[in-house]
N, C-alpha and C. Protein backbone atom coordinates (compact mmCIF):
# COMPACT_ATOMS: atom_id res chain seq x y z
N UNK A 1 0.85 -1.16 0.00
CA UNK A 1 0.00 0.00 0.00
C UNK A 1 0.90 1.24 0.00
N UNK A 2 0.56 2.20 -0.86
CA UNK A 2 1.33 3.44 -0.97
C UNK A 2 0.38 4.60 -0.70
N UNK A 3 0.73 5.44 0.28
CA UNK A 3 -0.07 6.62 0.60
C UNK A 3 0.52 7.81 -0.16
N UNK A 4 -0.35 8.57 -0.83
CA UNK A 4 0.10 9.67 -1.68
C UNK A 4 -0.37 11.00 -1.09
N UNK A 5 0.59 11.90 -0.87
CA UNK A 5 0.27 13.24 -0.40
C UNK A 5 0.03 14.10 -1.64
N UNK A 6 -1.22 14.30 -1.99
CA UNK A 6 -1.60 15.03 -3.19
C UNK A 6 -1.77 16.50 -2.83
N UNK A 7 -1.37 17.37 -3.74
CA UNK A 7 -1.50 18.82 -3.51
C UNK A 7 -2.94 19.13 -3.13
N UNK A 8 -3.12 19.91 -2.07
CA UNK A 8 -4.46 20.27 -1.62
C UNK A 8 -4.91 19.33 -0.52
N UNK A 9 -6.18 19.36 -0.20
CA UNK A 9 -6.67 18.59 0.94
C UNK A 9 -6.96 17.12 0.63
N UNK A 10 -6.93 16.73 -0.63
CA UNK A 10 -7.39 15.41 -1.03
C UNK A 10 -6.24 14.44 -1.24
N UNK A 11 -5.90 13.62 -0.25
CA UNK A 11 -4.86 12.62 -0.39
C UNK A 11 -5.48 11.30 -0.83
N UNK A 12 -4.66 10.31 -1.12
CA UNK A 12 -5.20 9.03 -1.56
C UNK A 12 -4.18 7.92 -1.39
N UNK A 13 -4.63 6.70 -1.58
CA UNK A 13 -3.75 5.54 -1.46
C UNK A 13 -3.96 4.63 -2.66
N UNK A 14 -2.90 3.88 -2.99
CA UNK A 14 -2.95 2.92 -4.09
C UNK A 14 -2.28 1.63 -3.65
N UNK A 15 -2.55 0.57 -4.39
CA UNK A 15 -1.87 -0.70 -4.19
C UNK A 15 -1.30 -1.13 -5.54
N UNK A 16 -0.28 -1.98 -5.50
CA UNK A 16 0.23 -2.59 -6.73
C UNK A 16 -0.70 -3.77 -7.02
N UNK A 17 -1.52 -3.62 -8.06
CA UNK A 17 -2.53 -4.64 -8.35
C UNK A 17 -2.08 -5.66 -9.38
N UNK A 18 -1.02 -5.33 -10.13
CA UNK A 18 -0.49 -6.28 -11.11
C UNK A 18 0.99 -5.97 -11.32
N UNK A 19 1.79 -7.01 -11.51
CA UNK A 19 3.22 -6.81 -11.74
C UNK A 19 3.71 -7.88 -12.70
N UNK A 20 4.62 -7.45 -13.60
CA UNK A 20 5.25 -8.36 -14.55
C UNK A 20 6.71 -7.95 -14.66
N UNK A 21 7.54 -8.69 -15.40
CA UNK A 21 8.95 -8.30 -15.52
C UNK A 21 9.17 -6.91 -16.14
N UNK A 22 8.20 -6.42 -16.94
CA UNK A 22 8.42 -5.14 -17.61
C UNK A 22 7.39 -4.06 -17.26
N UNK A 23 6.48 -4.34 -16.33
CA UNK A 23 5.45 -3.34 -16.01
C UNK A 23 4.83 -3.62 -14.64
N UNK A 24 4.19 -2.59 -14.11
CA UNK A 24 3.38 -2.78 -12.90
C UNK A 24 2.19 -1.83 -12.99
N UNK A 25 1.12 -2.19 -12.29
CA UNK A 25 -0.12 -1.41 -12.30
C UNK A 25 -0.47 -1.00 -10.88
N UNK A 26 -0.78 0.29 -10.72
CA UNK A 26 -1.27 0.81 -9.45
C UNK A 26 -2.78 1.01 -9.56
N UNK A 27 -3.52 0.65 -8.52
CA UNK A 27 -4.96 0.84 -8.48
C UNK A 27 -5.33 1.60 -7.22
N UNK A 28 -6.27 2.52 -7.36
CA UNK A 28 -6.70 3.32 -6.21
C UNK A 28 -7.52 2.46 -5.24
N UNK A 29 -7.43 2.81 -3.96
CA UNK A 29 -8.21 2.14 -2.93
C UNK A 29 -8.76 3.19 -1.97
N UNK A 30 -9.75 2.80 -1.21
CA UNK A 30 -10.30 3.67 -0.17
C UNK A 30 -9.97 3.05 1.18
N UNK A 31 -9.29 3.86 2.03
CA UNK A 31 -8.94 3.39 3.37
C UNK A 31 -9.21 4.51 4.37
N UNK A 32 -9.23 4.16 5.63
CA UNK A 32 -9.54 5.15 6.67
C UNK A 32 -8.50 6.27 6.73
N UNK A 33 -7.22 5.94 6.58
CA UNK A 33 -6.15 6.93 6.73
C UNK A 33 -6.25 8.07 5.72
N UNK A 34 -6.50 7.74 4.45
CA UNK A 34 -6.51 8.78 3.40
C UNK A 34 -7.87 8.96 2.76
N UNK A 35 -8.82 8.12 3.11
CA UNK A 35 -10.14 8.23 2.49
C UNK A 35 -10.12 7.70 1.07
N UNK A 36 -10.90 8.34 0.23
CA UNK A 36 -11.03 7.93 -1.15
C UNK A 36 -10.07 8.74 -2.03
N UNK A 37 -9.36 8.10 -2.92
CA UNK A 37 -8.46 8.79 -3.85
C UNK A 37 -9.31 9.69 -4.76
N UNK A 38 -8.82 10.90 -5.11
CA UNK A 38 -9.62 11.81 -5.95
C UNK A 38 -9.91 11.25 -7.35
N UNK A 39 -9.13 10.28 -7.79
CA UNK A 39 -9.38 9.59 -9.07
C UNK A 39 -9.58 8.12 -8.76
N UNK A 40 -10.62 7.52 -9.30
CA UNK A 40 -10.82 6.08 -9.15
C UNK A 40 -10.34 5.41 -10.43
N UNK A 41 -9.41 4.45 -10.29
CA UNK A 41 -8.95 3.75 -11.48
C UNK A 41 -7.60 3.10 -11.29
N UNK A 42 -6.95 2.82 -12.42
CA UNK A 42 -5.66 2.13 -12.44
C UNK A 42 -4.71 2.82 -13.41
N UNK A 43 -3.41 2.70 -13.14
CA UNK A 43 -2.37 3.27 -14.00
C UNK A 43 -1.24 2.28 -14.11
N UNK A 44 -0.84 1.99 -15.36
CA UNK A 44 0.25 1.07 -15.63
C UNK A 44 1.51 1.85 -15.98
N UNK A 45 2.66 1.39 -15.48
CA UNK A 45 3.98 1.94 -15.80
C UNK A 45 4.78 0.78 -16.36
N UNK A 46 5.50 1.02 -17.46
CA UNK A 46 6.27 -0.09 -18.01
C UNK A 46 7.31 0.34 -19.03
N UNK A 47 8.05 -0.65 -19.49
CA UNK A 47 9.09 -0.49 -20.50
C UNK A 47 8.81 -1.45 -21.64
N UNK A 48 9.06 -1.00 -22.87
CA UNK A 48 8.98 -1.86 -24.05
C UNK A 48 10.27 -1.69 -24.84
N UNK A 49 10.81 -2.78 -25.36
CA UNK A 49 12.00 -2.72 -26.21
C UNK A 49 11.53 -2.65 -27.65
N UNK A 50 11.91 -1.59 -28.36
CA UNK A 50 11.53 -1.41 -29.76
C UNK A 50 12.41 -2.27 -30.67
N UNK A 51 12.01 -2.40 -31.93
CA UNK A 51 12.75 -3.23 -32.89
C UNK A 51 14.19 -2.76 -33.10
N UNK A 52 14.45 -1.45 -32.89
CA UNK A 52 15.82 -0.93 -33.04
C UNK A 52 16.60 -0.99 -31.72
N UNK A 53 16.05 -1.71 -30.73
CA UNK A 53 16.64 -1.91 -29.42
C UNK A 53 16.58 -0.68 -28.51
N UNK A 54 15.92 0.38 -28.94
CA UNK A 54 15.69 1.50 -28.03
C UNK A 54 14.61 1.08 -27.04
N UNK A 55 14.53 1.77 -25.94
CA UNK A 55 13.57 1.41 -24.89
C UNK A 55 12.55 2.53 -24.74
N UNK A 56 11.29 2.13 -24.69
CA UNK A 56 10.18 3.06 -24.50
C UNK A 56 9.67 2.90 -23.08
N UNK A 57 9.66 3.98 -22.31
CA UNK A 57 9.02 3.99 -21.00
C UNK A 57 7.64 4.58 -21.20
N UNK A 58 6.62 3.97 -20.63
CA UNK A 58 5.27 4.49 -20.82
C UNK A 58 4.50 4.44 -19.51
N UNK A 59 3.45 5.23 -19.50
CA UNK A 59 2.43 5.14 -18.46
C UNK A 59 1.09 5.31 -19.16
N UNK A 60 0.15 4.48 -18.79
CA UNK A 60 -1.20 4.60 -19.35
C UNK A 60 -2.20 4.28 -18.24
N UNK A 61 -3.33 4.91 -18.32
CA UNK A 61 -4.28 4.70 -17.25
C UNK A 61 -5.72 4.87 -17.67
N UNK A 62 -6.58 4.39 -16.80
CA UNK A 62 -8.02 4.54 -16.96
C UNK A 62 -8.54 4.98 -15.60
N UNK A 63 -9.20 6.13 -15.57
CA UNK A 63 -9.72 6.61 -14.29
C UNK A 63 -10.88 7.57 -14.50
N UNK A 64 -11.57 7.80 -13.41
CA UNK A 64 -12.69 8.76 -13.40
C UNK A 64 -12.54 9.62 -12.15
N UNK A 65 -12.87 10.90 -12.25
CA UNK A 65 -12.82 11.75 -11.05
C UNK A 65 -13.78 11.24 -9.99
N UNK A 66 -13.35 11.33 -8.74
CA UNK A 66 -14.16 10.88 -7.62
C UNK A 66 -14.82 12.06 -6.90
N UNK A 67 -14.33 13.27 -7.16
CA UNK A 67 -14.86 14.47 -6.49
C UNK A 67 -15.06 15.58 -7.51
N UNK A 68 -15.78 16.61 -7.11
CA UNK A 68 -15.97 17.76 -7.99
C UNK A 68 -14.63 18.43 -8.30
N UNK A 69 -13.73 18.45 -7.32
CA UNK A 69 -12.40 19.04 -7.53
C UNK A 69 -11.65 18.23 -8.58
N UNK A 70 -11.79 16.90 -8.55
CA UNK A 70 -11.12 16.04 -9.51
C UNK A 70 -11.53 16.30 -10.94
N UNK A 71 -12.76 16.77 -11.13
CA UNK A 71 -13.26 17.02 -12.49
C UNK A 71 -12.58 18.20 -13.15
N UNK A 72 -12.01 19.11 -12.38
CA UNK A 72 -11.33 20.27 -12.97
C UNK A 72 -9.82 20.13 -12.89
N UNK A 73 -9.33 18.98 -12.45
CA UNK A 73 -7.90 18.79 -12.23
C UNK A 73 -7.12 18.29 -13.43
N UNK A 74 -7.77 18.12 -14.59
CA UNK A 74 -7.10 17.57 -15.77
C UNK A 74 -5.80 18.26 -16.13
N UNK A 75 -5.78 19.59 -16.26
CA UNK A 75 -4.52 20.26 -16.61
C UNK A 75 -3.43 20.06 -15.55
N UNK A 76 -3.79 20.05 -14.28
CA UNK A 76 -2.80 19.82 -13.22
C UNK A 76 -2.25 18.39 -13.29
N UNK A 77 -3.13 17.43 -13.55
CA UNK A 77 -2.69 16.04 -13.69
C UNK A 77 -1.74 15.91 -14.87
N UNK A 78 -2.09 16.50 -16.00
CA UNK A 78 -1.24 16.42 -17.19
C UNK A 78 0.13 17.02 -16.88
N UNK A 79 0.15 18.15 -16.17
CA UNK A 79 1.41 18.79 -15.80
C UNK A 79 2.23 17.89 -14.87
N UNK A 80 1.57 17.24 -13.93
CA UNK A 80 2.25 16.35 -12.99
C UNK A 80 2.88 15.16 -13.72
N UNK A 81 2.11 14.49 -14.59
CA UNK A 81 2.64 13.33 -15.32
C UNK A 81 3.74 13.76 -16.28
N UNK A 82 3.58 14.91 -16.91
CA UNK A 82 4.61 15.41 -17.82
C UNK A 82 5.90 15.67 -17.06
N UNK A 83 5.80 16.29 -15.89
CA UNK A 83 6.98 16.56 -15.06
C UNK A 83 7.66 15.25 -14.64
N UNK A 84 6.87 14.25 -14.29
CA UNK A 84 7.43 12.95 -13.91
C UNK A 84 8.24 12.35 -15.06
N UNK A 85 7.67 12.33 -16.25
CA UNK A 85 8.35 11.71 -17.38
C UNK A 85 9.56 12.54 -17.84
N UNK A 86 9.46 13.85 -17.77
CA UNK A 86 10.61 14.69 -18.11
C UNK A 86 11.74 14.49 -17.09
N UNK A 87 11.37 14.36 -15.81
CA UNK A 87 12.37 14.10 -14.78
C UNK A 87 13.05 12.76 -14.98
N UNK A 88 12.29 11.75 -15.35
CA UNK A 88 12.86 10.43 -15.64
C UNK A 88 13.84 10.53 -16.80
N UNK A 89 13.46 11.25 -17.83
CA UNK A 89 14.32 11.44 -19.00
C UNK A 89 15.63 12.11 -18.61
N UNK A 90 15.57 13.16 -17.80
CA UNK A 90 16.78 13.86 -17.36
C UNK A 90 17.65 12.97 -16.49
N UNK A 91 17.04 12.19 -15.61
CA UNK A 91 17.80 11.28 -14.74
C UNK A 91 18.52 10.22 -15.57
N UNK A 92 17.86 9.71 -16.59
CA UNK A 92 18.50 8.72 -17.46
C UNK A 92 19.66 9.33 -18.24
N UNK A 93 19.48 10.57 -18.69
CA UNK A 93 20.58 11.26 -19.39
C UNK A 93 21.80 11.40 -18.49
N UNK A 94 21.57 11.76 -17.23
CA UNK A 94 22.68 11.90 -16.29
C UNK A 94 23.41 10.58 -16.05
N UNK A 95 22.72 9.47 -16.26
CA UNK A 95 23.33 8.15 -16.09
C UNK A 95 24.01 7.67 -17.37
N UNK A 96 24.00 8.52 -18.42
CA UNK A 96 24.68 8.17 -19.67
C UNK A 96 23.79 7.63 -20.77
N UNK A 97 22.49 7.58 -20.54
CA UNK A 97 21.58 7.12 -21.59
C UNK A 97 21.42 8.21 -22.65
N UNK A 98 21.13 7.80 -23.85
CA UNK A 98 20.90 8.74 -24.94
C UNK A 98 19.40 8.86 -25.15
N UNK A 99 18.90 10.06 -25.00
CA UNK A 99 17.47 10.32 -25.17
C UNK A 99 17.27 10.84 -26.59
N UNK A 100 16.39 10.18 -27.34
CA UNK A 100 16.13 10.62 -28.71
C UNK A 100 15.41 11.97 -28.70
N UNK A 101 15.84 12.90 -29.57
CA UNK A 101 15.14 14.19 -29.66
C UNK A 101 13.66 13.97 -30.03
N UNK A 102 12.81 14.77 -29.46
CA UNK A 102 11.36 14.73 -29.73
C UNK A 102 10.75 13.35 -29.44
N UNK A 103 11.32 12.61 -28.48
CA UNK A 103 10.79 11.29 -28.18
C UNK A 103 9.71 11.33 -27.12
N UNK A 104 9.51 12.47 -26.51
CA UNK A 104 8.51 12.61 -25.47
C UNK A 104 7.20 13.05 -26.09
N UNK A 105 6.13 12.29 -25.83
CA UNK A 105 4.83 12.69 -26.36
C UNK A 105 3.74 12.39 -25.33
N UNK A 106 2.68 13.13 -25.42
CA UNK A 106 1.51 12.92 -24.57
C UNK A 106 0.35 12.57 -25.48
N UNK A 107 -0.24 11.41 -25.25
CA UNK A 107 -1.39 10.97 -26.03
C UNK A 107 -2.57 10.92 -25.08
N UNK A 108 -3.47 11.88 -25.20
CA UNK A 108 -4.63 11.94 -24.32
C UNK A 108 -5.87 11.58 -25.12
N UNK A 109 -6.42 10.44 -24.81
CA UNK A 109 -7.65 10.00 -25.48
C UNK A 109 -8.84 10.39 -24.62
N UNK A 110 -9.91 10.79 -25.26
CA UNK A 110 -11.10 11.19 -24.47
C UNK A 110 -11.73 10.03 -23.73
């Protein structure tokens, strides 16, 4: 169980609901300590090896807002996930990895 201190008054908790050698999935839960997570759903994080042997790190998720505040949080969430992936990219560069130019993209499906 992972407790998340989310900006503002609405905190939440998640569990690792699925794990494989190249990915893991977090799912929101409701517990007494943090209450209900502002988003109900799951998010997968993983790596894929492309045909040219480059590695793709991805995150994909399915969720629905749990509160009225959550319904207006889309831009903040996008900024948070973008910052996470940009930070990962910079950390990998510092370790000597080569990051392909323009390899970062956000695909938001309705």
